[in-house]
Amino acid sequence: MPSGARWQLPAKTYYVYMTTNKTRTLYTGVTNNLEKRVSQHKLKLLPGFTSQYNLTRLVYFEVFGDIRAANPAWKDLSEDWYGKRPSLLS
């Protein structure tokens, strides 16, 4: 490696996503593999809130190239009860 060169990790993609159910209960999450994570929700492979409330329908996602950008977006979406959330389900 040339002097001064830095190792660079392959770019990762992160997703902030939202799932719901028939009664419109909402769940927001962050993952680096959206397809796998949605499958886990649909098949109820992991015990917890999403399995208990049958949150299997993906209704929204955003794509980020950096986890440092994805986490604040997830927090904003999670706390935004009266802004984006109702309009996403209309």
N, C-alpha and C. Protein backbone atom coordinates (compact mmCIF):
# COMPACT_ATOMS: atom_id res chain seq x y z
N MET A 1 0.85 -1.16 0.00
CA MET A 1 0.00 0.00 0.00
C MET A 1 0.90 1.23 0.00
N PRO A 2 0.60 2.22 -0.84
CA PRO A 2 1.43 3.42 -0.91
C PRO A 2 1.40 4.19 0.41
N SER A 3 2.48 4.90 0.65
CA SER A 3 2.58 5.70 1.86
C SER A 3 1.44 6.72 1.91
N GLY A 4 0.82 6.85 3.06
CA GLY A 4 -0.27 7.80 3.24
C GLY A 4 -1.63 7.27 2.82
N ALA A 5 -1.67 6.11 2.17
CA ALA A 5 -2.95 5.54 1.75
C ALA A 5 -3.66 4.97 2.98
N ARG A 6 -4.96 5.01 2.97
CA ARG A 6 -5.74 4.48 4.08
C ARG A 6 -6.59 3.32 3.60
N TRP A 7 -6.77 2.36 4.47
CA TRP A 7 -7.69 1.27 4.17
C TRP A 7 -9.10 1.83 4.21
N GLN A 8 -9.89 1.44 3.27
CA GLN A 8 -11.27 1.88 3.26
C GLN A 8 -12.17 0.66 3.22
N LEU A 9 -13.07 0.60 4.16
CA LEU A 9 -14.02 -0.51 4.19
C LEU A 9 -15.01 -0.36 3.04
N PRO A 10 -15.51 -1.48 2.54
CA PRO A 10 -16.54 -1.39 1.49
C PRO A 10 -17.74 -0.60 2.01
N ALA A 11 -18.34 0.16 1.14
CA ALA A 11 -19.50 0.97 1.53
C ALA A 11 -20.64 0.06 1.96
N LYS A 12 -21.28 0.42 3.04
CA LYS A 12 -22.46 -0.30 3.51
C LYS A 12 -23.67 0.57 3.29
N THR A 13 -24.79 -0.06 3.19
CA THR A 13 -26.05 0.64 3.06
C THR A 13 -26.86 0.36 4.31
N TYR A 14 -27.45 1.40 4.85
CA TYR A 14 -28.28 1.28 6.03
C TYR A 14 -29.68 1.76 5.69
N TYR A 15 -30.65 1.14 6.33
CA TYR A 15 -32.05 1.45 6.07
C TYR A 15 -32.75 1.81 7.37
N VAL A 16 -33.46 2.90 7.37
CA VAL A 16 -34.39 3.23 8.43
C VAL A 16 -35.75 2.82 7.86
N TYR A 17 -36.48 2.01 8.60
CA TYR A 17 -37.71 1.46 8.05
C TYR A 17 -38.84 1.51 9.07
N MET A 18 -40.05 1.35 8.55
CA MET A 18 -41.24 1.33 9.39
C MET A 18 -42.14 0.19 8.94
N THR A 19 -42.63 -0.56 9.89
CA THR A 19 -43.59 -1.63 9.61
C THR A 19 -44.87 -1.35 10.38
N THR A 20 -45.95 -1.98 9.93
CA THR A 20 -47.24 -1.82 10.59
C THR A 20 -48.02 -3.14 10.51
N ASN A 21 -49.23 -3.10 11.06
CA ASN A 21 -50.13 -4.25 11.02
C ASN A 21 -51.53 -3.77 10.64
N LYS A 22 -52.52 -4.64 10.75
CA LYS A 22 -53.89 -4.28 10.37
C LYS A 22 -54.48 -3.17 11.24
N THR A 23 -54.03 -3.08 12.49
CA THR A 23 -54.56 -2.04 13.38
C THR A 23 -53.70 -0.77 13.37
N ARG A 24 -52.73 -0.73 12.47
CA ARG A 24 -51.86 0.43 12.27
C ARG A 24 -50.91 0.72 13.43
N THR A 25 -50.57 -0.30 14.21
CA THR A 25 -49.50 -0.16 15.18
C THR A 25 -48.22 -0.01 14.38
N LEU A 26 -47.33 0.86 14.82
CA LEU A 26 -46.11 1.13 14.05
C LEU A 26 -44.85 0.72 14.80
N TYR A 27 -43.86 0.32 14.02
CA TYR A 27 -42.54 -0.01 14.54
C TYR A 27 -41.51 0.59 13.60
N THR A 28 -40.50 1.24 14.16
CA THR A 28 -39.41 1.76 13.34
C THR A 28 -38.13 1.05 13.73
N GLY A 29 -37.26 0.86 12.75
CA GLY A 29 -36.00 0.19 13.01
C GLY A 29 -34.92 0.63 12.04
N VAL A 30 -33.70 0.18 12.32
CA VAL A 30 -32.54 0.43 11.46
C VAL A 30 -31.89 -0.91 11.19
N THR A 31 -31.49 -1.13 9.94
CA THR A 31 -30.82 -2.38 9.57
C THR A 31 -29.88 -2.14 8.40
N ASN A 32 -28.96 -3.07 8.20
CA ASN A 32 -28.10 -2.98 7.01
C ASN A 32 -28.50 -4.01 5.96
N ASN A 33 -29.59 -4.74 6.22
CA ASN A 33 -30.10 -5.71 5.25
C ASN A 33 -31.63 -5.71 5.34
N LEU A 34 -32.24 -4.83 4.59
CA LEU A 34 -33.69 -4.64 4.69
C LEU A 34 -34.48 -5.88 4.30
N GLU A 35 -34.08 -6.52 3.23
CA GLU A 35 -34.81 -7.72 2.79
C GLU A 35 -34.81 -8.80 3.88
N LYS A 36 -33.65 -9.05 4.47
CA LYS A 36 -33.54 -10.06 5.52
C LYS A 36 -34.37 -9.66 6.75
N ARG A 37 -34.30 -8.38 7.12
CA ARG A 37 -34.99 -7.93 8.32
C ARG A 37 -36.51 -8.00 8.15
N VAL A 38 -37.00 -7.61 6.99
CA VAL A 38 -38.44 -7.69 6.74
C VAL A 38 -38.89 -9.15 6.76
N SER A 39 -38.08 -10.03 6.20
CA SER A 39 -38.40 -11.47 6.24
C SER A 39 -38.46 -11.97 7.68
N GLN A 40 -37.53 -11.52 8.52
CA GLN A 40 -37.55 -11.91 9.93
C GLN A 40 -38.84 -11.46 10.60
N HIS A 41 -39.29 -10.26 10.28
CA HIS A 41 -40.55 -9.78 10.84
C HIS A 41 -41.72 -10.62 10.34
N LYS A 42 -41.77 -10.88 9.03
CA LYS A 42 -42.88 -11.63 8.45
C LYS A 42 -42.97 -13.05 8.98
N LEU A 43 -41.80 -13.69 9.17
CA LEU A 43 -41.77 -15.08 9.64
C LEU A 43 -41.74 -15.18 11.16
N LYS A 44 -41.72 -14.03 11.84
CA LYS A 44 -41.69 -13.98 13.30
C LYS A 44 -40.53 -14.80 13.87
N LEU A 45 -39.36 -14.60 13.28
CA LEU A 45 -38.18 -15.36 13.70
C LEU A 45 -37.57 -14.85 15.00
N LEU A 46 -37.84 -13.61 15.34
CA LEU A 46 -37.28 -13.04 16.56
C LEU A 46 -38.41 -12.66 17.51
N PRO A 47 -38.34 -13.12 18.74
CA PRO A 47 -39.40 -12.77 19.68
C PRO A 47 -39.34 -11.29 20.03
N GLY A 48 -40.47 -10.73 20.37
CA GLY A 48 -40.48 -9.33 20.78
C GLY A 48 -41.69 -8.59 20.25
N PHE A 49 -41.58 -7.27 20.25
CA PHE A 49 -42.68 -6.38 19.91
C PHE A 49 -43.26 -6.68 18.53
N THR A 50 -42.41 -6.83 17.52
CA THR A 50 -42.91 -7.03 16.15
C THR A 50 -43.64 -8.36 16.00
N SER A 51 -43.16 -9.39 16.66
CA SER A 51 -43.84 -10.68 16.61
C SER A 51 -45.15 -10.64 17.37
N GLN A 52 -45.13 -10.03 18.54
CA GLN A 52 -46.31 -9.95 19.39
C GLN A 52 -47.45 -9.21 18.71
N TYR A 53 -47.12 -8.13 17.99
CA TYR A 53 -48.15 -7.31 17.37
C TYR A 53 -48.30 -7.55 15.86
N ASN A 54 -47.66 -8.59 15.36
CA ASN A 54 -47.79 -8.98 13.95
C ASN A 54 -47.46 -7.83 12.99
N LEU A 55 -46.34 -7.17 13.24
CA LEU A 55 -45.91 -6.03 12.43
C LEU A 55 -45.11 -6.55 11.24
N THR A 56 -45.82 -6.87 10.18
CA THR A 56 -45.20 -7.55 9.05
C THR A 56 -45.25 -6.77 7.74
N ARG A 57 -45.91 -5.64 7.73
CA ARG A 57 -46.08 -4.89 6.48
C ARG A 57 -45.14 -3.69 6.43
N LEU A 58 -44.19 -3.73 5.52
CA LEU A 58 -43.27 -2.62 5.34
C LEU A 58 -44.01 -1.47 4.68
N VAL A 59 -44.02 -0.29 5.33
CA VAL A 59 -44.76 0.85 4.77
C VAL A 59 -43.85 2.02 4.41
N TYR A 60 -42.59 1.99 4.85
CA TYR A 60 -41.71 3.12 4.59
C TYR A 60 -40.26 2.70 4.81
N PHE A 61 -39.36 3.24 4.00
CA PHE A 61 -37.94 3.09 4.29
C PHE A 61 -37.15 4.23 3.65
N GLU A 62 -36.00 4.53 4.25
CA GLU A 62 -35.04 5.50 3.72
C GLU A 62 -33.70 4.80 3.65
N VAL A 63 -32.87 5.18 2.69
CA VAL A 63 -31.57 4.56 2.48
C VAL A 63 -30.48 5.55 2.89
N PHE A 64 -29.46 5.05 3.59
CA PHE A 64 -28.33 5.87 4.04
C PHE A 64 -27.03 5.13 3.77
N GLY A 65 -25.99 5.87 3.50
CA GLY A 65 -24.68 5.28 3.28
C GLY A 65 -23.81 5.29 4.51
N ASP A 66 -24.34 5.83 5.61
CA ASP A 66 -23.56 5.98 6.83
C ASP A 66 -24.49 5.78 8.03
N ILE A 67 -24.10 4.92 8.95
CA ILE A 67 -24.92 4.66 10.12
C ILE A 67 -25.08 5.91 10.96
N ARG A 68 -24.10 6.82 10.90
CA ARG A 68 -24.19 8.06 11.68
C ARG A 68 -25.29 8.98 11.15
N ALA A 69 -25.67 8.81 9.91
CA ALA A 69 -26.80 9.56 9.36
C ALA A 69 -28.12 8.81 9.58
N ALA A 70 -28.05 7.49 9.56
CA ALA A 70 -29.27 6.68 9.72
C ALA A 70 -29.84 6.77 11.13
N ASN A 71 -28.98 6.75 12.14
CA ASN A 71 -29.48 6.76 13.52
C ASN A 71 -30.30 7.99 13.88
N PRO A 72 -29.85 9.22 13.55
CA PRO A 72 -30.71 10.38 13.85
C PRO A 72 -32.02 10.36 13.07
N ALA A 73 -31.99 9.86 11.84
CA ALA A 73 -33.22 9.77 11.04
C ALA A 73 -34.19 8.78 11.69
N TRP A 74 -33.66 7.67 12.19
CA TRP A 74 -34.49 6.68 12.89
C TRP A 74 -35.10 7.30 14.14
N LYS A 75 -34.29 8.03 14.90
CA LYS A 75 -34.79 8.66 16.11
C LYS A 75 -35.88 9.67 15.78
N ASP A 76 -35.65 10.49 14.75
CA ASP A 76 -36.66 11.48 14.35
C ASP A 76 -37.96 10.80 13.94
N LEU A 77 -37.87 9.75 13.15
CA LEU A 77 -39.07 9.04 12.70
C LEU A 77 -39.78 8.37 13.87
N SER A 78 -39.01 7.80 14.78
CA SER A 78 -39.59 7.13 15.94
C SER A 78 -40.35 8.09 16.84
N GLU A 79 -39.88 9.33 16.93
CA GLU A 79 -40.50 10.30 17.82
C GLU A 79 -41.58 11.13 17.14
N ASP A 80 -41.73 11.01 15.84
CA ASP A 80 -42.63 11.86 15.08
C ASP A 80 -44.04 11.27 14.99
N TRP A 81 -44.76 11.26 16.10
CA TRP A 81 -46.09 10.66 16.15
C TRP A 81 -47.12 11.43 15.36
N TYR A 82 -46.98 12.73 15.29
CA TYR A 82 -48.02 13.55 14.68
C TYR A 82 -47.62 14.16 13.35
N GLY A 83 -46.43 13.85 12.87
CA GLY A 83 -45.97 14.40 11.61
C GLY A 83 -46.08 13.40 10.48
N LYS A 84 -45.00 12.74 10.17
CA LYS A 84 -44.94 11.82 9.04
C LYS A 84 -45.80 10.58 9.22
N ARG A 85 -45.85 10.05 10.41
CA ARG A 85 -46.48 8.76 10.62
C ARG A 85 -47.89 8.64 10.07
N PRO A 86 -48.81 9.49 10.45
CA PRO A 86 -50.19 9.31 9.92
C PRO A 86 -50.25 9.44 8.40
N SER A 87 -49.48 10.33 7.82
CA SER A 87 -49.54 10.52 6.38
C SER A 87 -48.97 9.32 5.63
N LEU A 88 -48.06 8.58 6.24
CA LEU A 88 -47.48 7.41 5.58
C LEU A 88 -48.50 6.29 5.45
N LEU A 89 -49.49 6.27 6.31
CA LEU A 89 -50.47 5.18 6.32
C LEU A 89 -51.76 5.53 5.61
N SER A 90 -51.88 6.75 5.12
CA SER A 90 -53.11 7.18 4.46
C SER A 90 -53.29 6.51 3.11
